[in-house]
């Protein structure tokens, strides 16, 4: 069962079995305002990290990205990119 925790009256974190899985919020910056929802669960092994400077960050990012691509394969990444493109398409909200 899903449970919502309010950050404010128009912004909620979504949980299932105690695990954060998404967010629902009213996007007042849109005209007209509309409710946006996002599932925030990513594929296992999604790389992230930290670095002491930008050069180190770029190097670590590239190494992690190459390993991520090897682990998940071209087909899975192509599908993910297509879904991202669709989700971010202009006019997708049907207005």
PDB file of N, CA and C in Angstrom:
ATOM      1  N   UNK A   1       0.833  -1.180   0.000  1.00  0.00           N
ATOM      2  CA  UNK A   1       0.000   0.000   0.000  1.00  0.00           C
ATOM      3  C   UNK A   1       0.881   1.248   0.000  1.00  0.00           C
ATOM      4  N   UNK A   2       0.528   2.210  -0.808  1.00  0.00           N
ATOM      5  CA  UNK A   2       1.286   3.449  -0.879  1.00  0.00           C
ATOM      6  C   UNK A   2       0.922   4.377   0.270  1.00  0.00           C
ATOM      7  N   UNK A   3       1.944   5.102   0.746  1.00  0.00           N
ATOM      8  CA  UNK A   3       1.731   6.072   1.806  1.00  0.00           C
ATOM      9  C   UNK A   3       2.400   7.365   1.371  1.00  0.00           C
ATOM     10  N   UNK A   4       1.720   8.483   1.607  1.00  0.00           N
ATOM     11  CA  UNK A   4       2.256   9.790   1.260  1.00  0.00           C
ATOM     12  C   UNK A   4       2.712  10.512   2.521  1.00  0.00           C
ATOM     13  N   UNK A   5       3.847  11.193   2.421  1.00  0.00           N
ATOM     14  CA  UNK A   5       4.300  12.069   3.502  1.00  0.00           C
ATOM     15  C   UNK A   5       4.384  13.472   2.929  1.00  0.00           C
ATOM     16  N   UNK A   6       3.625  14.384   3.517  1.00  0.00           N
ATOM     17  CA  UNK A   6       3.565  15.752   3.010  1.00  0.00           C
ATOM     18  C   UNK A   6       4.829  16.524   3.352  1.00  0.00           C
ATOM     19  N   UNK A   7       5.397  17.156   2.344  1.00  0.00           N
ATOM     20  CA  UNK A   7       6.459  18.127   2.561  1.00  0.00           C
ATOM     21  C   UNK A   7       5.821  19.497   2.770  1.00  0.00           C
ATOM     22  N   UNK A   8       4.719  19.711   2.072  1.00  0.00           N
ATOM     23  CA  UNK A   8       3.810  20.833   2.273  1.00  0.00           C
ATOM     24  C   UNK A   8       2.483  20.409   1.651  1.00  0.00           C
ATOM     25  N   UNK A   9       1.444  21.221   1.698  1.00  0.00           N
ATOM     26  CA  UNK A   9       0.132  20.763   1.222  1.00  0.00           C
ATOM     27  C   UNK A   9       0.072  20.348  -0.251  1.00  0.00           C
ATOM     28  N   UNK A  10       1.041  20.776  -1.046  1.00  0.00           N
ATOM     29  CA  UNK A  10       1.034  20.451  -2.469  1.00  0.00           C
ATOM     30  C   UNK A  10       2.262  19.667  -2.912  1.00  0.00           C
ATOM     31  N   UNK A  11       2.945  19.002  -1.970  1.00  0.00           N
ATOM     32  CA  UNK A  11       4.181  18.300  -2.301  1.00  0.00           C
ATOM     33  C   UNK A  11       4.319  17.090  -1.372  1.00  0.00           C
ATOM     34  N   UNK A  12       4.378  15.890  -1.969  1.00  0.00           N
ATOM     35  CA  UNK A  12       4.366  14.654  -1.188  1.00  0.00           C
ATOM     36  C   UNK A  12       5.470  13.709  -1.637  1.00  0.00           C
ATOM     37  N   UNK A  13       6.079  13.029  -0.679  1.00  0.00           N
ATOM     38  CA  UNK A  13       6.967  11.912  -0.967  1.00  0.00           C
ATOM     39  C   UNK A  13       6.113  10.653  -0.868  1.00  0.00           C
ATOM     40  N   UNK A  14       6.303   9.732  -1.812  1.00  0.00           N
ATOM     41  CA  UNK A  14       5.523   8.498  -1.864  1.00  0.00           C
ATOM     42  C   UNK A  14       6.382   7.345  -1.343  1.00  0.00           C
ATOM     43  N   UNK A  15       5.811   6.562  -0.431  1.00  0.00           N
ATOM     44  CA  UNK A  15       6.497   5.412   0.150  1.00  0.00           C
ATOM     45  C   UNK A  15       5.699   4.141  -0.089  1.00  0.00           C
ATOM     46  N   UNK A  16       6.406   3.028  -0.185  1.00  0.00           N
ATOM     47  CA  UNK A  16       5.782   1.710  -0.162  1.00  0.00           C
ATOM     48  C   UNK A  16       6.618   0.851   0.777  1.00  0.00           C
ATOM     49  N   UNK A  17       5.974   0.271   1.757  1.00  0.00           N
ATOM     50  CA  UNK A  17       6.661  -0.559   2.752  1.00  0.00           C
ATOM     51  C   UNK A  17       7.862   0.156   3.365  1.00  0.00           C
ATOM     52  N   UNK A  18       7.704   1.450   3.628  1.00  0.00           N
ATOM     53  CA  UNK A  18       8.760   2.222   4.269  1.00  0.00           C
ATOM     54  C   UNK A  18       9.860   2.712   3.341  1.00  0.00           C
ATOM     55  N   UNK A  19       9.819   2.326   2.079  1.00  0.00           N
ATOM     56  CA  UNK A  19      10.842   2.738   1.113  1.00  0.00           C
ATOM     57  C   UNK A  19      10.322   3.878   0.248  1.00  0.00           C
ATOM     58  N   UNK A  20      11.096   4.952   0.152  1.00  0.00           N
ATOM     59  CA  UNK A  20      10.707   6.048  -0.728  1.00  0.00           C
ATOM     60  C   UNK A  20      10.757   5.549  -2.172  1.00  0.00           C
ATOM     61  N   UNK A  21       9.660   5.760  -2.910  1.00  0.00           N
ATOM     62  CA  UNK A  21       9.614   5.315  -4.302  1.00  0.00           C
ATOM     63  C   UNK A  21       9.248   6.426  -5.275  1.00  0.00           C
ATOM     64  N   UNK A  22       8.858   7.600  -4.761  1.00  0.00           N
ATOM     65  CA  UNK A  22       8.482   8.640  -5.701  1.00  0.00           C
ATOM     66  C   UNK A  22       8.074   9.931  -5.037  1.00  0.00           C
ATOM     67  N   UNK A  23       7.523  10.782  -5.879  1.00  0.00           N
ATOM     68  CA  UNK A  23       7.086  12.093  -5.416  1.00  0.00           C
ATOM     69  C   UNK A  23       5.886  12.533  -6.242  1.00  0.00           C
ATOM     70  N   UNK A  24       4.970  13.231  -5.589  1.00  0.00           N
ATOM     71  CA  UNK A  24       3.813  13.849  -6.243  1.00  0.00           C
ATOM     72  C   UNK A  24       3.782  15.293  -5.775  1.00  0.00           C
ATOM     73  N   UNK A  25       3.698  16.233  -6.750  1.00  0.00           N
ATOM     74  CA  UNK A  25       3.675  17.636  -6.355  1.00  0.00           C
ATOM     75  C   UNK A  25       2.847  18.446  -7.342  1.00  0.00           C
ATOM     76  N   UNK A  26       2.311  19.536  -6.841  1.00  0.00           N
ATOM     77  CA  UNK A  26       1.583  20.470  -7.682  1.00  0.00           C
ATOM     78  C   UNK A  26       2.593  21.436  -8.289  1.00  0.00           C
ATOM     79  N   UNK A  27       2.668  21.458  -9.610  1.00  0.00           N
ATOM     80  CA  UNK A  27       3.610  22.326 -10.320  1.00  0.00           C
ATOM     81  C   UNK A  27       2.931  23.657 -10.606  1.00  0.00           C
ATOM     82  N   UNK A  28       3.023  24.556  -9.660  1.00  0.00           N
ATOM     83  CA  UNK A  28       2.408  25.879  -9.810  1.00  0.00           C
ATOM     84  C   UNK A  28       3.132  26.728 -10.848  1.00  0.00           C
ATOM     85  N   UNK A  29       4.373  26.346 -11.187  1.00  0.00           N
ATOM     86  CA  UNK A  29       5.118  27.102 -12.188  1.00  0.00           C
ATOM     87  C   UNK A  29       4.576  26.854 -13.597  1.00  0.00           C
ATOM     88  N   UNK A  30       3.722  25.875 -13.741  1.00  0.00           N
ATOM     89  CA  UNK A  30       3.080  25.599 -15.027  1.00  0.00           C
ATOM     90  C   UNK A  30       1.788  26.405 -15.134  1.00  0.00           C
ATOM     91  N   UNK A  31       1.374  26.662 -16.341  1.00  0.00           N
ATOM     92  CA  UNK A  31       0.127  27.399 -16.528  1.00  0.00           C
ATOM     93  C   UNK A  31      -0.738  26.660 -17.533  1.00  0.00           C
ATOM     94  N   UNK A  32      -1.832  26.070 -17.104  1.00  0.00           N
ATOM     95  CA  UNK A  32      -2.318  26.054 -15.731  1.00  0.00           C
ATOM     96  C   UNK A  32      -1.513  25.068 -14.878  1.00  0.00           C
ATOM     97  N   UNK A  33      -1.593  25.234 -13.571  1.00  0.00           N
ATOM     98  CA  UNK A  33      -0.899  24.332 -12.652  1.00  0.00           C
ATOM     99  C   UNK A  33      -1.406  22.913 -12.872  1.00  0.00           C
ATOM    100  N   UNK A  34      -0.499  21.929 -12.697  1.00  0.00           N
ATOM    101  CA  UNK A  34      -0.923  20.546 -12.793  1.00  0.00           C
ATOM    102  C   UNK A  34      -0.098  19.710 -11.830  1.00  0.00           C
ATOM    103  N   UNK A  35      -0.645  18.556 -11.473  1.00  0.00           N
ATOM    104  CA  UNK A  35       0.032  17.648 -10.569  1.00  0.00           C
ATOM    105  C   UNK A  35       1.016  16.798 -11.362  1.00  0.00           C
ATOM    106  N   UNK A  36       2.258  16.762 -10.915  1.00  0.00           N
ATOM    107  CA  UNK A  36       3.294  15.926 -11.517  1.00  0.00           C
ATOM    108  C   UNK A  36       3.633  14.797 -10.568  1.00  0.00           C
ATOM    109  N   UNK A  37       3.856  13.622 -11.110  1.00  0.00           N
ATOM    110  CA  UNK A  37       4.297  12.503 -10.276  1.00  0.00           C
ATOM    111  C   UNK A  37       5.538  11.903 -10.910  1.00  0.00           C
ATOM    112  N   UNK A  38       6.411  11.377 -10.070  1.00  0.00           N
ATOM    113  CA  UNK A  38       7.664  10.789 -10.523  1.00  0.00           C
ATOM    114  C   UNK A  38       7.973   9.555  -9.691  1.00  0.00           C
ATOM    115  N   UNK A  39       8.268   8.447 -10.356  1.00  0.00           N
ATOM    116  CA  UNK A  39       8.822   7.271  -9.687  1.00  0.00           C
ATOM    117  C   UNK A  39      10.325   7.485  -9.665  1.00  0.00           C
ATOM    118  N   UNK A  40      10.946   7.398  -8.497  1.00  0.00           N
ATOM    119  CA  UNK A  40      12.373   7.710  -8.387  1.00  0.00           C
ATOM    120  C   UNK A  40      13.248   6.480  -8.217  1.00  0.00           C
ATOM    121  N   UNK A  41      12.687   5.302  -8.388  1.00  0.00           N
ATOM    122  CA  UNK A  41      13.468   4.076  -8.275  1.00  0.00           C
ATOM    123  C   UNK A  41      14.262   3.917  -9.562  1.00  0.00           C
ATOM    124  N   UNK A  42      15.560   3.741  -9.459  1.00  0.00           N
ATOM    125  CA  UNK A  42      16.390   3.581 -10.648  1.00  0.00           C
ATOM    126  C   UNK A  42      16.894   2.143 -10.733  1.00  0.00           C
ATOM    127  N   UNK A  43      17.477   1.826 -11.860  1.00  0.00           N
ATOM    128  CA  UNK A  43      18.006   0.481 -12.038  1.00  0.00           C
ATOM    129  C   UNK A  43      19.135   0.249 -11.048  1.00  0.00           C
ATOM    130  N   UNK A  44      19.320  -0.984 -10.619  1.00  0.00           N
ATOM    131  CA  UNK A  44      20.409  -1.273  -9.677  1.00  0.00           C
ATOM    132  C   UNK A  44      21.763  -0.868 -10.254  1.00  0.00           C
ATOM    133  N   UNK A  45      22.587  -0.380  -9.399  1.00  0.00           N
ATOM    134  CA  UNK A  45      23.932  -0.028  -9.810  1.00  0.00           C
ATOM    135  C   UNK A  45      24.056   1.330 -10.474  1.00  0.00           C
ATOM    136  N   UNK A  46      23.001   2.148 -10.379  1.00  0.00           N
ATOM    137  CA  UNK A  46      23.115   3.485 -10.965  1.00  0.00           C
ATOM    138  C   UNK A  46      24.275   4.199 -10.295  1.00  0.00           C
ATOM    139  N   UNK A  47      25.253   4.645 -11.066  1.00  0.00           N
ATOM    140  CA  UNK A  47      26.453   5.218 -10.460  1.00  0.00           C
ATOM    141  C   UNK A  47      26.242   6.620  -9.912  1.00  0.00           C
ATOM    142  N   UNK A  48      26.864   6.873  -8.800  1.00  0.00           N
ATOM    143  CA  UNK A  48      26.924   8.207  -8.220  1.00  0.00           C
ATOM    144  C   UNK A  48      28.149   8.259  -7.337  1.00  0.00           C
ATOM    145  N   UNK A  49      28.585   9.447  -7.002  1.00  0.00           N
ATOM    146  CA  UNK A  49      29.770   9.546  -6.168  1.00  0.00           C
ATOM    147  C   UNK A  49      30.106  10.984  -5.872  1.00  0.00           C
ATOM    148  N   UNK A  50      31.326  11.186  -5.403  1.00  0.00           N
ATOM    149  CA  UNK A  50      31.792  12.530  -5.091  1.00  0.00           C
ATOM    150  C   UNK A  50      33.251  12.656  -5.503  1.00  0.00           C
ATOM    151  N   UNK A  51      33.737  13.879  -5.491  1.00  0.00           N
ATOM    152  CA  UNK A  51      35.113  14.142  -5.891  1.00  0.00           C
ATOM    153  C   UNK A  51      35.588  15.429  -5.231  1.00  0.00           C
ATOM    154  N   UNK A  52      36.897  15.599  -5.209  1.00  0.00           N
ATOM    155  CA  UNK A  52      37.490  16.780  -4.593  1.00  0.00           C
ATOM    156  C   UNK A  52      37.552  17.973  -5.547  1.00  0.00           C
ATOM    157  N   UNK A  53      37.483  17.733  -6.864  1.00  0.00           N
ATOM    158  CA  UNK A  53      37.535  18.820  -7.836  1.00  0.00           C
ATOM    159  C   UNK A  53      36.841  18.380  -9.119  1.00  0.00           C
ATOM    160  N   UNK A  54      36.645  19.313 -10.055  1.00  0.00           N
ATOM    161  CA  UNK A  54      35.902  19.030 -11.280  1.00  0.00           C
ATOM    162  C   UNK A  54      36.617  18.006 -12.158  1.00  0.00           C
ATOM    163  N   UNK A  55      37.929  18.072 -12.245  1.00  0.00           N
ATOM    164  CA  UNK A  55      38.654  17.108 -13.081  1.00  0.00           C
ATOM    165  C   UNK A  55      38.491  15.689 -12.541  1.00  0.00           C
ATOM    166  N   UNK A  56      38.601  15.535 -11.246  1.00  0.00           N
ATOM    167  CA  UNK A  56      38.407  14.219 -10.629  1.00  0.00           C
ATOM    168  C   UNK A  56      36.960  13.762 -10.812  1.00  0.00           C
ATOM    169  N   UNK A  57      36.012  14.690 -10.678  1.00  0.00           N
ATOM    170  CA  UNK A  57      34.601  14.342 -10.868  1.00  0.00           C
ATOM    171  C   UNK A  57      34.355  13.849 -12.291  1.00  0.00           C
ATOM    172  N   UNK A  58      34.916  14.538 -13.285  1.00  0.00           N
ATOM    173  CA  UNK A  58      34.741  14.116 -14.675  1.00  0.00           C
ATOM    174  C   UNK A  58      35.336  12.728 -14.897  1.00  0.00           C
ATOM    175  N   UNK A  59      36.500  12.488 -14.364  1.00  0.00           N
ATOM    176  CA  UNK A  59      37.162  11.199 -14.536  1.00  0.00           C
ATOM    177  C   UNK A  59      36.369  10.066 -13.877  1.00  0.00           C
ATOM    178  N   UNK A  60      35.936  10.300 -12.638  1.00  0.00           N
ATOM    179  CA  UNK A  60      35.146   9.281 -11.937  1.00  0.00           C
ATOM    180  C   UNK A  60      33.810   9.041 -12.630  1.00  0.00           C
ATOM    181  N   UNK A  61      33.186  10.114 -13.111  1.00  0.00           N
ATOM    182  CA  UNK A  61      31.920   9.980 -13.819  1.00  0.00           C
ATOM    183  C   UNK A  61      32.109   9.110 -15.057  1.00  0.00           C
ATOM    184  N   UNK A  62      33.142   9.411 -15.845  1.00  0.00           N
ATOM    185  CA  UNK A  62      33.376   8.651 -17.076  1.00  0.00           C
ATOM    186  C   UNK A  62      33.625   7.174 -16.784  1.00  0.00           C
ATOM    187  N   UNK A  63      34.423   6.876 -15.789  1.00  0.00           N
ATOM    188  CA  UNK A  63      34.691   5.486 -15.417  1.00  0.00           C
ATOM    189  C   UNK A  63      33.416   4.781 -14.991  1.00  0.00           C
ATOM    190  N   UNK A  64      32.616   5.440 -14.153  1.00  0.00           N
ATOM    191  CA  UNK A  64      31.359   4.849 -13.687  1.00  0.00           C
ATOM    192  C   UNK A  64      30.375   4.676 -14.841  1.00  0.00           C
ATOM    193  N   UNK A  65      30.299   5.661 -15.740  1.00  0.00           N
ATOM    194  CA  UNK A  65      29.372   5.584 -16.879  1.00  0.00           C
ATOM    195  C   UNK A  65      29.746   4.414 -17.798  1.00  0.00           C
ATOM    196  N   UNK A  66      31.019   4.245 -18.084  1.00  0.00           N
ATOM    197  CA  UNK A  66      31.446   3.133 -18.941  1.00  0.00           C
ATOM    198  C   UNK A  66      31.109   1.783 -18.293  1.00  0.00           C
ATOM    199  N   UNK A  67      31.333   1.663 -16.989  1.00  0.00           N
ATOM    200  CA  UNK A  67      30.991   0.419 -16.288  1.00  0.00           C
ATOM    201  C   UNK A  67      29.482   0.191 -16.286  1.00  0.00           C
ATOM    202  N   UNK A  68      28.714   1.256 -16.123  1.00  0.00           N
ATOM    203  CA  UNK A  68      27.252   1.171 -16.131  1.00  0.00           C
ATOM    204  C   UNK A  68      26.756   0.685 -17.487  1.00  0.00           C
ATOM    205  N   UNK A  69      27.306   1.248 -18.571  1.00  0.00           N
ATOM    206  CA  UNK A  69      26.912   0.832 -19.918  1.00  0.00           C
ATOM    207  C   UNK A  69      27.235  -0.638 -20.145  1.00  0.00           C
ATOM    208  N   UNK A  70      28.389  -1.087 -19.699  1.00  0.00           N
ATOM    209  CA  UNK A  70      28.774  -2.496 -19.850  1.00  0.00           C
ATOM    210  C   UNK A  70      27.825  -3.411 -19.078  1.00  0.00           C
ATOM    211  N   UNK A  71      27.456  -2.996 -17.887  1.00  0.00           N
ATOM    212  CA  UNK A  71      26.607  -3.817 -17.017  1.00  0.00           C
ATOM    213  C   UNK A  71      25.189  -3.948 -17.572  1.00  0.00           C
ATOM    214  N   UNK A  72      24.661  -2.893 -18.164  1.00  0.00           N
ATOM    215  CA  UNK A  72      23.251  -2.903 -18.573  1.00  0.00           C
ATOM    216  C   UNK A  72      23.038  -3.127 -20.063  1.00  0.00           C
ATOM    217  N   UNK A  73      24.022  -2.875 -20.888  1.00  0.00           N
ATOM    218  CA  UNK A  73      23.921  -3.160 -22.308  1.00  0.00           C
ATOM    219  C   UNK A  73      23.238  -2.077 -23.124  1.00  0.00           C
ATOM    220  N   UNK A  74      23.561  -2.087 -24.411  1.00  0.00           N
ATOM    221  CA  UNK A  74      23.072  -1.065 -25.332  1.00  0.00           C
ATOM    222  C   UNK A  74      21.556  -1.091 -25.469  1.00  0.00           C
ATOM    223  N   UNK A  75      20.966  -2.271 -25.521  1.00  0.00           N
ATOM    224  CA  UNK A  75      19.514  -2.365 -25.718  1.00  0.00           C
ATOM    225  C   UNK A  75      18.745  -1.734 -24.560  1.00  0.00           C
ATOM    226  N   UNK A  76      19.144  -2.028 -23.331  1.00  0.00           N
ATOM    227  CA  UNK A  76      18.463  -1.470 -22.165  1.00  0.00           C
ATOM    228  C   UNK A  76      18.636   0.047 -22.110  1.00  0.00           C
ATOM    229  N   UNK A  77      19.829   0.532 -22.450  1.00  0.00           N
ATOM    230  CA  UNK A  77      20.059   1.975 -22.438  1.00  0.00           C
ATOM    231  C   UNK A  77      19.269   2.674 -23.532  1.00  0.00           C
ATOM    232  N   UNK A  78      19.185   2.065 -24.714  1.00  0.00           N
ATOM    233  CA  UNK A  78      18.393   2.652 -25.789  1.00  0.00           C
ATOM    234  C   UNK A  78      16.939   2.785 -25.362  1.00  0.00           C
ATOM    235  N   UNK A  79      16.403   1.751 -24.742  1.00  0.00           N
ATOM    236  CA  UNK A  79      15.016   1.792 -24.271  1.00  0.00           C
ATOM    237  C   UNK A  79      14.847   2.885 -23.206  1.00  0.00           C
ATOM    238  N   UNK A  80      15.786   2.975 -22.273  1.00  0.00           N
ATOM    239  CA  UNK A  80      15.706   3.996 -21.221  1.00  0.00           C
ATOM    240  C   UNK A  80      15.758   5.397 -21.821  1.00  0.00           C
ATOM    241  N   UNK A  81      16.635   5.613 -22.805  1.00  0.00           N
ATOM    242  CA  UNK A  81      16.731   6.928 -23.448  1.00  0.00           C
ATOM    243  C   UNK A  81      15.438   7.270 -24.178  1.00  0.00           C
ATOM    244  N   UNK A  82      14.836   6.297 -24.847  1.00  0.00           N
ATOM    245  CA  UNK A  82      13.563   6.532 -25.535  1.00  0.00           C
ATOM    246  C   UNK A  82      12.477   6.929 -24.543  1.00  0.00           C
ATOM    247  N   UNK A  83      12.428   6.242 -23.399  1.00  0.00           N
ATOM    248  CA  UNK A  83      11.430   6.570 -22.377  1.00  0.00           C
ATOM    249  C   UNK A  83      11.682   7.965 -21.805  1.00  0.00           C
ATOM    250  N   UNK A  84      12.943   8.330 -21.604  1.00  0.00           N
ATOM    251  CA  UNK A  84      13.264   9.660 -21.103  1.00  0.00           C
ATOM    252  C   UNK A  84      12.842  10.728 -22.107  1.00  0.00           C
ATOM    253  N   UNK A  85      13.102  10.489 -23.384  1.00  0.00           N
ATOM    254  CA  UNK A  85      12.738  11.438 -24.430  1.00  0.00           C
ATOM    255  C   UNK A  85      11.229  11.632 -24.462  1.00  0.00           C
ATOM    256  N   UNK A  86      10.491  10.523 -24.367  1.00  0.00           N
ATOM    257  CA  UNK A  86       9.027  10.608 -24.359  1.00  0.00           C
ATOM    258  C   UNK A  86       8.540  11.387 -23.137  1.00  0.00           C
ATOM    259  N   UNK A  87       9.099  11.090 -21.971  1.00  0.00           N
ATOM    260  CA  UNK A  87       8.658  11.745 -20.732  1.00  0.00           C
ATOM    261  C   UNK A  87       8.922  13.240 -20.761  1.00  0.00           C
ATOM    262  N   UNK A  88       9.968  13.661 -21.466  1.00  0.00           N
ATOM    263  CA  UNK A  88      10.345  15.073 -21.496  1.00  0.00           C
ATOM    264  C   UNK A  88       9.882  15.797 -22.756  1.00  0.00           C
ATOM    265  N   UNK A  89       9.081  15.132 -23.583  1.00  0.00           N
ATOM    266  CA  UNK A  89       8.647  15.731 -24.846  1.00  0.00           C
ATOM    267  C   UNK A  89       7.771  16.954 -24.622  1.00  0.00           C
ATOM    268  N   UNK A  90       7.997  18.014 -25.397  1.00  0.00           N
ATOM    269  CA  UNK A  90       7.128  19.196 -25.292  1.00  0.00           C
ATOM    270  C   UNK A  90       5.680  18.824 -25.600  1.00  0.00           C
ATOM    271  N   UNK A  91       4.765  19.377 -24.845  1.00  0.00           N
ATOM    272  CA  UNK A  91       3.351  19.135 -25.094  1.00  0.00           C
ATOM    273  C   UNK A  91       2.842  17.791 -24.631  1.00  0.00           C
ATOM    274  N   UNK A  92       3.668  17.004 -23.953  1.00  0.00           N
ATOM    275  CA  UNK A  92       3.281  15.663 -23.534  1.00  0.00           C
ATOM    276  C   UNK A  92       2.120  15.671 -22.541  1.00  0.00           C
ATOM    277  N   UNK A  93       1.939  16.756 -21.814  1.00  0.00           N
ATOM    278  CA  UNK A  93       0.874  16.791 -20.802  1.00  0.00           C
ATOM    279  C   UNK A  93      -0.513  16.823 -21.411  1.00  0.00           C
ATOM    280  N   UNK A  94      -0.612  16.959 -22.731  1.00  0.00           N
ATOM    281  CA  UNK A  94      -1.922  16.923 -23.392  1.00  0.00           C
ATOM    282  C   UNK A  94      -2.633  18.251 -23.401  1.00  0.00           C
ATOM    283  N   UNK A  95      -1.950  19.314 -23.017  1.00  0.00           N
ATOM    284  CA  UNK A  95      -2.586  20.634 -23.025  1.00  0.00           C
ATOM    285  C   UNK A  95      -2.496  21.251 -24.375  1.00  0.00           C
TER     286      UNK A  95
END
